[in-house]
Protein backbone atom coordinates (compact mmCIF):
# COMPACT_ATOMS: atom_id res chain seq x y z
CA MET A 1 0.00 0.00 0.00
CA SER A 2 2.86 2.40 0.84
CA LYS A 3 4.45 1.65 -2.56
CA PHE A 4 1.23 2.53 -4.38
CA THR A 5 0.85 5.69 -2.31
CA TYR A 6 4.39 6.73 -3.20
CA MET A 7 3.71 6.04 -6.88
CA PHE A 8 0.48 8.09 -6.77
CA ILE A 9 2.20 11.09 -5.19
CA THR A 10 5.07 10.92 -7.68
CA CYS A 11 2.73 10.77 -10.70
CA THR A 12 0.63 13.63 -9.37
CA PHE A 13 3.73 15.76 -8.83
CA LEU A 14 4.99 15.02 -12.36
CA PHE A 15 1.58 15.85 -13.79
CA ILE A 16 1.54 19.23 -12.04
CA ILE A 17 5.08 20.02 -13.28
CA ILE A 18 4.22 19.08 -16.87
CA MET A 19 0.98 21.06 -16.81
CA SER A 20 2.75 24.10 -15.42
CA CYS A 21 5.32 23.88 -18.24
CA TYR A 22 2.66 23.47 -20.87
CA GLY A 23 1.85 27.03 -22.14
CA CYS A 24 -1.03 28.50 -24.11
CA LYS A 25 -1.87 27.60 -27.69
CA GLN A 26 -0.62 29.57 -30.69
CA VAL A 27 -3.80 31.67 -30.97
CA GLU A 28 -3.99 32.32 -27.22
CA TYR A 29 -2.19 34.66 -24.84
CA GLY A 30 -1.49 34.18 -21.14
CA ILE A 31 -2.93 36.48 -18.50
CA ASP A 32 -3.24 35.81 -14.73
CA SER A 33 -2.42 32.08 -15.18
CA LYS A 34 -5.13 31.79 -17.83
CA CYS A 35 -4.97 31.32 -21.59
CA CYS A 36 -7.32 33.74 -23.41
CA PRO A 37 -8.16 33.81 -27.15
CA MET A 38 -6.26 36.51 -29.05
CA CYS A 39 -8.02 39.39 -30.83
CA SER A 40 -7.98 39.45 -34.65
CA PRO A 41 -5.71 41.89 -36.61
CA GLY A 42 -7.12 45.43 -36.39
CA TYR A 43 -8.60 44.81 -32.89
CA PHE A 44 -7.28 45.32 -29.35
CA VAL A 45 -8.22 43.66 -26.03
CA HIS A 46 -10.94 45.60 -24.24
CA ARG A 47 -11.60 42.96 -21.54
CA HIS A 48 -9.69 39.76 -20.82
CA CYS A 49 -11.42 36.41 -20.72
CA THR A 50 -12.68 34.84 -17.49
CA GLU A 51 -13.66 31.35 -16.53
CA TYR A 52 -17.07 31.95 -18.09
CA THR A 53 -16.47 34.59 -20.84
CA VAL A 54 -14.17 34.95 -23.87
CA THR A 55 -11.90 37.90 -24.62
CA THR A 56 -13.75 41.13 -25.52
CA CYS A 57 -12.13 42.94 -28.51
CA LEU A 58 -12.71 46.42 -30.00
CA PRO A 59 -11.53 47.91 -33.36
CA CYS A 60 -8.38 50.06 -33.45
CA PRO A 61 -9.05 53.83 -33.47
CA SER A 62 -8.06 56.03 -36.42
CA SER A 63 -4.29 56.35 -37.12
CA THR A 64 -3.55 53.15 -35.19
CA PHE A 65 -3.16 49.51 -36.21
CA ILE A 66 -2.39 45.96 -35.14
CA GLY A 67 -1.15 43.75 -37.95
CA GLU A 68 -1.44 40.28 -36.37
CA PRO A 69 -3.57 38.34 -33.85
CA SER A 70 -2.55 39.55 -30.40
CA GLY A 71 -3.44 40.14 -26.78
CA LEU A 72 -2.43 43.81 -26.90
CA GLU A 73 -4.55 46.21 -24.87
CA LYS A 74 -3.61 49.19 -27.06
CA CYS A 75 -3.15 49.58 -30.83
CA ARG A 76 0.17 50.82 -32.27
CA SER A 77 0.44 54.37 -33.70
CA CYS A 78 0.80 54.67 -37.48
CA THR A 79 4.19 55.80 -38.85
CA THR A 80 4.42 59.32 -40.31
CA CYS A 81 6.27 59.75 -43.62
CA ASP A 82 8.24 62.93 -42.90
CA THR A 83 9.18 64.98 -45.98
CA ASN A 84 12.10 66.43 -43.99
CA LEU A 85 13.50 62.91 -43.97
CA GLY A 86 13.02 62.66 -47.75
CA LEU A 87 9.92 60.43 -47.47
CA ARG A 88 6.46 60.28 -49.02
CA ILE A 89 3.47 57.98 -48.45
CA GLN A 90 3.52 54.87 -50.62
CA LYS A 91 0.57 53.17 -48.89
CA ASN A 92 -1.70 54.70 -46.26
CA CYS A 93 -2.08 53.23 -42.80
CA THR A 94 -5.06 50.91 -42.16
CA SER A 95 -6.31 49.18 -39.01
CA VAL A 96 -4.34 46.04 -39.99
CA SER A 97 -1.17 47.55 -41.53
CA ASP A 98 1.22 50.42 -40.87
CA THR A 99 1.96 53.29 -43.28
CA THR A 100 4.48 52.37 -45.99
CA CYS A 101 6.95 55.14 -46.84
CA ASP A 102 8.88 55.61 -50.06
CA PRO A 103 11.69 58.07 -50.94
CA LEU A 104 10.64 61.38 -52.49
CA GLU A 105 11.42 61.89 -56.16
CA GLY A 106 15.15 62.45 -56.59
CA ASN A 107 15.96 60.60 -53.32
CA PHE A 108 17.02 57.07 -52.43
CA CYS A 109 16.39 54.99 -49.30
CA SER A 110 19.45 55.06 -47.05
CA ARG A 111 17.82 53.28 -44.09
CA PHE A 112 15.26 50.55 -44.62
CA SER A 113 13.14 49.41 -41.66
CA PRO A 114 10.82 46.70 -43.01
CA PRO A 115 8.30 47.00 -44.41
CA SER A 116 9.19 50.55 -45.53
CA CYS A 117 11.90 53.19 -45.77
CA SER A 118 12.63 55.25 -42.65
CA LEU A 119 15.27 57.66 -44.04
CA ALA A 120 16.08 58.89 -47.55
CA GLN A 121 18.80 61.10 -49.06
CA LYS A 122 19.01 63.10 -52.28
CA HIS A 123 20.69 61.45 -55.27
CA THR A 124 24.29 62.54 -55.79
CA GLN A 125 24.70 65.22 -58.49
CA CYS A 126 27.60 64.34 -60.78
CA GLU A 127 30.27 67.04 -61.03
CA PRO A 128 31.38 68.62 -64.35
CA GLY A 129 33.91 66.20 -65.80
CA GLN A 130 31.86 63.19 -64.67
CA TYR A 131 29.12 61.25 -66.46
CA ILE A 132 26.16 59.36 -64.98
CA LYS A 133 27.22 55.71 -65.11
CA GLN A 134 24.03 54.55 -63.39
CA ASN A 135 20.94 56.64 -62.64
CA GLY A 136 19.77 56.74 -59.05
CA THR A 137 16.67 54.75 -58.13
CA ALA A 138 14.43 54.63 -55.05
CA SER A 139 16.87 52.16 -53.47
CA THR A 140 20.28 53.13 -54.93
CA ASP A 141 22.27 56.34 -55.31
CA THR A 142 23.52 57.78 -58.60
CA VAL A 143 26.88 56.35 -59.73
CA CYS A 144 29.27 58.93 -61.25
CA THR A 145 32.46 58.20 -63.20
CA ASP A 146 35.19 60.54 -64.44
CA CYS A 147 35.61 61.27 -68.16
CA VAL A 148 39.03 60.32 -69.53
CA GLY A 149 40.96 61.05 -72.71
CA ASP A 150 39.58 63.38 -75.36
CA THR A 151 36.04 63.40 -73.86
CA TYR A 152 33.92 65.66 -71.67
CA SER A 153 30.68 65.88 -69.68
CA ASP A 154 28.94 68.74 -67.86
CA GLY A 155 27.72 66.30 -65.18
CA SER A 156 24.32 65.58 -66.75
CA PHE A 157 25.41 63.28 -69.62
CA SER A 158 24.86 59.52 -69.53
CA THR A 159 28.11 59.04 -71.47
CA CYS A 160 31.22 61.15 -72.02
CA ARG A 161 31.12 62.93 -75.38
CA SER A 162 34.10 63.33 -77.71
CA HIS A 163 35.51 66.83 -78.18
CA THR A 164 34.58 68.53 -81.44
CA GLN A 165 37.37 68.27 -84.03
CA CYS A 166 38.04 71.85 -85.17
CA LYS A 167 39.69 72.99 -88.39
CA LEU A 168 40.66 76.12 -86.50
CA MET A 169 40.66 76.00 -82.68
CA ARG A 170 39.53 78.95 -80.57
CA LYS A 171 39.65 77.17 -77.18
CA GLY A 172 40.72 73.63 -76.34
CA GLY A 173 38.29 71.15 -74.74
CA THR A 174 38.52 69.99 -71.11
CA SER A 175 36.97 67.11 -69.20
CA SER A 176 34.00 69.37 -68.39
CA SER A 177 33.58 71.39 -71.60
CA ASP A 178 33.76 70.94 -75.36
CA ALA A 179 36.33 72.54 -77.66
CA GLU A 180 35.39 75.91 -79.17
CA CYS A 181 35.99 76.30 -82.91
CA GLU A 182 36.51 79.42 -85.00
CA ASP A 183 33.95 79.96 -87.78
CA VAL A 184 36.20 79.10 -90.77
CA VAL A 185 33.68 80.26 -93.41
CA THR A 186 33.42 83.70 -91.80
CA ILE A 187 37.20 84.02 -91.59
CA ILE A 188 37.63 83.02 -95.26
CA ALA A 189 34.95 85.51 -96.30
CA ILE A 190 36.70 88.29 -94.35
CA ILE A 191 40.13 87.45 -95.84
CA LEU A 192 38.76 87.34 -99.39
CA SER A 193 36.92 90.61 -98.84
CA LEU A 194 40.16 92.22 -97.68
CA LEU A 195 42.04 90.78 -100.66
CA LEU A 196 39.37 92.07 -103.01
CA LEU A 197 39.55 95.52 -101.45
CA LEU A 198 43.35 95.50 -101.66
CA THR A 199 43.22 94.47 -105.36
CA MET A 200 40.80 97.25 -106.18
CA MET A 201 43.05 99.76 -104.37
CA LEU A 202 46.13 98.58 -106.34
CA ILE A 203 44.25 98.95 -109.61
CA PHE A 204 43.11 102.41 -108.60
CA PHE A 205 46.66 103.60 -107.75
CA TRP A 206 48.10 102.12 -110.93
CA CYS A 207 45.51 103.98 -113.01
CA TRP A 208 46.32 107.18 -111.08
CA GLU A 209 50.00 106.90 -111.96
CA LYS A 210 49.25 106.28 -115.65
CA ARG A 211 46.64 109.04 -115.95
CA ASN A 212 48.78 111.15 -118.46
CA ILE A 213 49.16 108.46 -121.18
CA PRO A 214 47.74 109.92 -124.47
CA VAL A 215 44.60 108.19 -125.49
CA MET A 216 45.77 108.00 -129.13
CA TYR A 217 48.51 105.55 -128.11
CA ILE A 218 46.00 103.22 -126.53
CA ASN A 219 43.78 103.41 -129.57
CA SER A 220 46.53 103.29 -132.17
CA ILE A 221 47.05 99.55 -132.05
CA SER A 222 47.79 99.62 -135.82
CA VAL A 223 51.10 101.48 -135.32
CA ARG A 224 54.05 99.18 -136.09
CA ILE A 225 57.69 99.46 -137.21
CA GLY A 226 58.22 100.44 -140.87
CA HIS A 227 54.71 101.84 -141.21
CA ARG A 228 54.70 105.39 -142.47
CA CYS A 229 52.24 107.57 -140.59
CA TRP A 230 51.58 111.30 -140.51
CA PHE A 231 50.56 112.79 -137.13
CA GLN A 232 49.28 116.22 -137.74
CA ASP A 233 48.90 117.30 -134.14
CA PHE A 234 52.21 116.20 -132.59
CA PRO A 235 54.82 118.97 -132.08
CA TRP A 236 58.02 117.03 -132.67
CA ILE A 237 61.24 118.21 -131.23
CA ALA A 238 64.33 119.06 -133.35
CA ALA A 239 64.68 116.98 -136.49
CA ASP A 240 67.54 114.59 -137.08
CA GLU A 241 70.11 115.18 -139.78
CA GLN A 242 69.13 111.90 -141.46
CA GLU A 243 65.70 112.10 -142.98
CA VAL A 244 63.78 108.94 -143.56
CA HIS A 245 60.67 110.24 -145.23
CA MET A 246 59.11 113.40 -146.34
CA GLN A 247 55.42 114.11 -146.76
CA GLY A 248 53.89 117.47 -147.16
CA SER A 249 55.84 120.26 -145.54
CA ARG A 250 57.24 118.22 -142.57
CA LEU A 251 59.97 115.64 -142.02
CA ILE A 252 59.71 112.63 -139.67
CA PRO A 253 63.13 112.11 -138.11
CA LEU A 254 64.42 108.55 -137.47
CA LYS A 255 65.03 109.34 -133.81
CA THR A 256 61.46 110.49 -133.40
CA MET A 257 60.19 107.42 -135.18
CA THR A 258 62.21 105.16 -132.83
CA SER A 259 60.85 107.01 -129.83
CA ASP A 260 57.33 106.44 -131.06
CA ILE A 261 57.92 102.70 -131.43
CA VAL A 262 59.30 102.42 -127.85
CA LYS A 263 56.30 104.26 -126.47
CA GLU A 264 53.98 101.96 -128.37
CA SER A 265 55.69 98.90 -126.83
CA GLU A 266 55.30 100.36 -123.29
CA ILE A 267 51.64 101.04 -123.90
CA LYS A 268 51.03 97.45 -125.07
CA GLU A 269 52.75 96.16 -121.93
CA SER A 270 50.62 98.45 -119.76
CA VAL A 271 47.46 97.28 -121.50
CA GLY A 272 48.48 93.62 -120.74
CA ILE A 273 48.97 94.40 -117.04
CA MET A 274 45.63 96.20 -117.04
CA SER A 275 43.87 93.14 -118.46
CA LYS A 276 45.47 90.86 -115.82
CA PHE A 277 44.24 93.06 -112.98
CA THR A 278 40.79 93.13 -114.56
CA TYR A 279 40.75 89.28 -114.71
CA MET A 280 41.86 89.05 -111.07
CA PHE A 281 39.17 91.50 -110.01
CA VAL A 282 36.40 89.55 -111.79
CA THR A 283 37.66 86.21 -110.36
CA CYS A 284 37.82 87.49 -106.76
CA THR A 285 34.39 89.05 -107.06
CA PHE A 286 32.95 85.76 -108.36
CA LEU A 287 34.55 83.73 -105.54
CA PHE A 288 33.34 86.22 -102.94
CA ILE A 289 29.75 85.94 -104.23
CA ILE A 290 29.90 82.10 -104.14
CA ILE A 291 31.31 82.00 -100.58
CA MET A 292 28.83 84.54 -99.23
CA SER A 293 25.97 82.61 -100.85
CA CYS A 294 27.18 79.39 -99.09
CA TYR A 295 27.56 81.11 -95.77
CA GLY A 296 24.38 80.36 -93.73
CA CYS A 297 22.78 81.97 -90.72
CA LYS A 298 24.44 82.24 -87.31
CA GLN A 299 23.78 79.78 -84.50
CA ALA A 300 21.14 81.97 -82.84
CA GLU A 301 19.37 82.71 -86.16
CA TYR A 302 17.04 80.82 -88.48
CA GLY A 303 16.58 81.15 -92.23
CA ILE A 304 13.32 82.29 -93.81
CA ASP A 305 12.83 83.65 -97.37
CA SER A 306 16.58 84.17 -97.83
CA GLU A 307 16.69 86.18 -94.59
CA CYS A 308 18.44 85.31 -91.31
CA CYS A 309 16.13 86.17 -88.42
CA PRO A 310 16.91 86.09 -84.65
CA MET A 311 15.46 82.99 -82.93
CA CYS A 312 12.83 83.28 -80.17
CA SER A 313 13.85 82.38 -76.60
CA PRO A 314 12.72 79.08 -74.98
CA GLY A 315 9.02 79.29 -74.09
CA TYR A 316 8.23 81.61 -77.03
CA PHE A 317 7.11 81.02 -80.63
CA VAL A 318 7.47 83.16 -83.78
CA HIS A 319 4.45 85.42 -84.25
CA ARG A 320 5.95 87.47 -87.10
CA HIS A 321 9.22 86.93 -88.97
CA CYS A 322 11.83 89.65 -89.18
CA THR A 323 12.08 92.04 -92.13
CA GLU A 324 14.77 94.35 -93.40
CA TYR A 325 13.70 96.95 -90.85
CA THR A 326 12.15 94.93 -87.96
CA SER A 327 13.29 92.05 -85.75
CA THR A 328 11.44 88.78 -85.08
CA THR A 329 8.20 89.20 -83.08
CA CYS A 330 7.81 86.46 -80.43
CA LEU A 331 4.86 85.52 -78.19
CA PRO A 332 4.72 83.23 -75.10
CA CYS A 333 3.59 79.60 -75.55
CA PRO A 334 -0.07 79.02 -74.61
CA SER A 335 -1.08 76.75 -71.72
CA SER A 336 -0.21 73.04 -72.11
CA THR A 337 2.43 73.79 -74.74
CA PHE A 338 6.19 74.36 -74.61
CA ILE A 339 9.40 75.01 -76.54
CA GLY A 340 12.54 73.97 -74.73
CA GLU A 341 15.25 75.69 -76.78
CA PRO A 342 15.78 78.84 -78.90
CA SER A 343 13.99 78.27 -82.20
CA GLY A 344 12.21 79.71 -85.21
CA LEU A 345 9.09 77.57 -84.67
CA GLU A 346 5.76 79.19 -85.48
CA LYS A 347 3.85 76.88 -83.12
CA CYS A 348 4.65 75.50 -79.64
CA ARG A 349 4.77 71.75 -79.03
CA SER A 350 1.94 70.06 -77.07
CA CYS A 351 2.76 68.82 -73.56
CA THR A 352 2.93 65.05 -73.00
CA THR A 353 0.08 63.43 -71.02
CA CYS A 354 1.02 60.86 -68.33
CA ASP A 355 -1.69 58.23 -68.95
CA THR A 356 -2.52 56.04 -65.94
CA ASN A 357 -3.71 53.34 -68.36
CA LEU A 358 -0.08 53.15 -69.50
CA GLY A 359 1.07 52.83 -65.88
CA LEU A 360 2.31 56.44 -65.67
CA ARG A 361 2.04 59.34 -63.26
CA ILE A 362 3.29 62.94 -63.36
CA GLN A 363 6.77 63.42 -61.95
CA LYS A 364 7.16 67.04 -63.07
CA ASN A 365 4.45 69.24 -64.58
CA CYS A 366 4.81 70.79 -68.02
CA THR A 367 6.06 74.39 -68.20
CA SER A 368 6.50 76.77 -71.12
CA VAL A 369 10.17 75.73 -71.41
CA SER A 370 10.00 71.99 -70.58
CA ASP A 371 7.74 69.03 -71.32
CA THR A 372 5.89 66.93 -68.72
CA THR A 373 8.10 64.28 -67.09
CA CYS A 374 6.33 60.96 -66.46
CA ASP A 375 7.26 58.31 -63.89
CA PRO A 376 5.89 54.75 -63.42
CA LEU A 377 2.99 54.35 -61.01
CA GLU A 378 3.74 52.65 -57.70
CA GLY A 379 4.28 48.92 -58.31
CA ASN A 380 5.26 49.50 -61.95
CA PHE A 381 8.56 49.83 -63.82
CA CYS A 382 9.44 51.77 -66.97
CA SER A 383 9.51 49.41 -69.97
CA ARG A 384 9.94 52.15 -72.61
CA PHE A 385 12.02 55.24 -71.90
CA SER A 386 11.72 58.21 -74.27
CA PRO A 387 14.05 60.90 -72.88
CA PRO A 388 13.53 62.83 -70.76
CA SER A 389 10.79 60.63 -69.25
CA CYS A 390 9.06 57.25 -69.29
CA SER A 391 6.46 56.64 -72.03
CA LEU A 392 5.24 53.14 -71.01
CA ALA A 393 5.26 51.22 -67.72
CA GLN A 394 4.30 47.69 -66.65
CA LYS A 395 3.43 46.12 -63.30
CA HIS A 396 6.20 44.42 -61.37
CA THR A 397 6.24 40.63 -61.73
CA GLN A 398 4.65 38.78 -58.77
CA CYS A 399 6.85 35.89 -57.69
CA GLU A 400 5.09 32.50 -57.62
CA PRO A 401 4.93 30.24 -54.54
CA GLY A 402 8.22 28.33 -54.56
CA GLN A 403 10.14 31.46 -55.64
CA TYR A 404 11.80 34.18 -53.60
CA ILE A 405 12.37 37.85 -54.49
CA LYS A 406 16.05 38.03 -55.51
CA GLN A 407 15.80 41.73 -56.37
CA ASN A 408 12.89 44.05 -55.64
CA GLY A 409 11.42 45.90 -58.58
CA THR A 410 12.24 49.60 -58.91
CA ALA A 411 10.93 52.39 -61.11
CA SER A 412 13.37 51.29 -63.83
CA THR A 413 13.72 47.52 -63.33
CA ASP A 414 11.34 44.58 -62.91
CA THR A 415 11.27 42.23 -59.92
CA VAL A 416 13.73 39.34 -60.22
CA CYS A 417 12.38 35.97 -58.99
CA THR A 418 14.44 32.81 -58.33
CA ASP A 419 13.30 29.27 -57.48
CA CYS A 420 13.89 27.81 -54.02
CA VAL A 421 16.02 24.66 -54.01
CA GLY A 422 16.79 21.91 -51.51
CA ASP A 423 15.18 21.88 -48.09
CA THR A 424 13.84 25.47 -48.38
CA TYR A 425 10.56 27.20 -49.23
CA SER A 426 8.93 30.57 -50.03
CA ASP A 427 5.33 31.65 -50.53
CA GLY A 428 6.42 34.15 -53.21
CA SER A 429 6.75 37.17 -50.89
CA PHE A 430 10.01 36.26 -49.10
CA SER A 431 13.30 37.99 -49.89
CA THR A 432 15.15 34.71 -49.20
CA CYS A 433 14.15 31.05 -49.15
CA ARG A 434 13.57 29.82 -45.61
CA SER A 435 14.65 26.42 -44.28
CA HIS A 436 11.94 23.90 -43.43
CA THR A 437 11.22 23.52 -39.72
CA GLN A 438 12.96 20.47 -38.25
CA CYS A 439 10.21 18.48 -36.49
CA LYS A 440 10.65 15.89 -33.76
CA LEU A 441 7.36 14.45 -34.93
CA MET A 442 6.24 15.28 -38.48
CA ARG A 443 2.60 15.89 -39.36
CA LYS A 444 3.16 17.07 -42.99
CA GLY A 445 6.35 17.38 -44.98
CA GLY A 446 7.51 20.75 -46.36
CA THR A 447 7.50 21.70 -50.07
CA SER A 448 9.19 24.49 -52.05
CA SER A 449 6.15 26.69 -51.37
CA SER A 450 5.21 25.71 -47.78
CA ASP A 451 6.86 24.83 -44.48
CA ALA A 452 6.73 21.45 -42.75
CA GLU A 453 3.95 20.94 -40.19
CA CYS A 454 4.96 19.42 -36.84
CA GLU A 455 2.96 17.60 -34.23
CA ASP A 456 2.79 19.25 -30.77
CA VAL A 457 5.07 16.84 -28.84
CA VAL A 458 4.37 18.45 -25.43
CA THR A 459 0.64 18.01 -25.87
CA ILE A 460 1.11 14.39 -26.86
CA ILE A 461 3.37 13.72 -23.84
CA VAL A 462 0.87 15.37 -21.48
CA ILE A 463 -1.96 13.32 -22.91
CA ILE A 464 0.03 10.09 -22.58
CA LEU A 465 1.11 10.88 -19.02
CA SER A 466 -2.42 11.87 -18.10
CA LEU A 467 -3.69 8.58 -19.43
CA LEU A 468 -0.97 6.69 -17.58
CA LEU A 469 -1.87 8.54 -14.38
CA VAL A 470 -5.54 7.73 -14.78
CA VAL A 471 -4.72 4.09 -15.46
CA THR A 472 -2.42 4.00 -12.43
CA MET A 473 -5.09 5.52 -10.19
CA MET A 474 -7.66 3.05 -11.48
CA LEU A 475 -5.32 0.16 -10.81
CA ILE A 476 -4.69 1.43 -7.30
CA PHE A 477 -8.41 1.83 -6.75
CA PHE A 478 -9.21 -1.69 -7.95
CA TRP A 479 -6.33 -3.14 -5.95
CA CYS A 480 -7.59 -1.40 -2.81
CA TRP A 481 -11.12 -2.61 -3.57
CA GLN A 482 -9.94 -6.20 -3.78
CA LYS A 483 -7.92 -5.99 -0.54
CA ARG A 484 -10.55 -4.23 1.58
CA ASN A 485 -11.57 -7.50 3.45
CA ILE A 486 -8.07 -8.80 4.19
CA PRO A 487 -7.89 -9.54 8.03
CA VAL A 488 -5.22 -7.77 9.92
CA SER A 489 -3.24 -9.89 12.46
CA ALA A 490 -2.49 -8.64 16.01
CA ALA A 491 1.22 -8.50 15.21
CA GLU A 492 0.64 -6.33 12.05
CA LEU A 493 -1.81 -4.09 13.92
CA GLN A 494 0.76 -3.63 16.69
CA GLU A 495 3.42 -2.87 14.04
CA LEU A 496 1.17 -0.25 12.42
CA ASN A 497 0.46 1.37 15.76
CA VAL A 498 4.11 1.59 16.48
């Protein structure tokens, strides 16, 4: 009997220990040594359960939430997306989920506190002499790289550009600026104009020096050696002793005749020089006309009806072209139109519309000097980029069960999904594949898309021990029942009394 009593006490003690170690179920919470049912997400505990009543739950007030079943007596406050921290609201707070914050446009997330960003910084601005190797996204900063060799960038280029190759250099290029070239056509036109002017001046001075040549010599091309001529109007100087010819009342001396022939030769030479200068003058004039006809308008001018008119400034269109006496008349672009550079356009361009059906939203509104800039809607990425903005966007790929998110989708890239392998799983929303739970007693094996399900070993042990205890107590009871009429001897009675 003492052995059975000892066994009963031991089993009862073990049962109490096991029951005290056995906690509440997964959907329960402990309070005052009791296990009460948890409240659903979006609800808080208003009154704990009792022996006769279940937990009383109430909905979370505005701007508060609880995202999972719990025994909390107060809902959590919603996060505020502070613009001073470079944040904006991606998804508003609800009773079952907190606010999700995203970086403001032109910022990237520098501190991520799942499930949203908690601090953002502005994208780095590339310096002159650097190009944008990789544009900044919502999760990464801009990557800048130095230009090398005969290239340059002002800090806004996506690649370094080669320096312009000049025929005549005004200023050499650097890593941050292009080379500056002289306008060769203008220089040639100026030089030829100066040469033409110089030629005309030489011809003028030559004619001035030869202004006293008798006209008869120029016209008397028929005069030649041996030809006998009579010049009535020439007062010849003293006659030679040797006469060569006599006509009328006057003699023509040989010396005088020789002098006439020499003068005729000089005049012919002068006439040849005169014809060369005339040919040069005509040629230079012709070349000057050709060059000036090829020479177009300046960089800040546009051509119209053989005229070069000043361009209108960005944000303005041509209302009336220039004339010989008036400049170009410009007017501002109407609403929803723009012109982004100096031009001679007679009509402004229409602003782009960011169509939500194409997955787009406005990043920057249209102005008179710049077009609308479109960005993908939240949860979309740009699939067609038409500088300076996106023209078509698509939704991010949703990873399937059995895949994990290798790389989150951004405004410029799609989500990258990868299959789970080996003893791992993912429901499609995990950033890494998780290992299957190692069970002491398996209820259901894990797959690539779900975890293993384990039996509750503690519950099973408690049940078994409870059954063993009940059986033991029943055996003790029946044993005592059978032995209730056993006579007790005087010696045993005396031993018990002792």
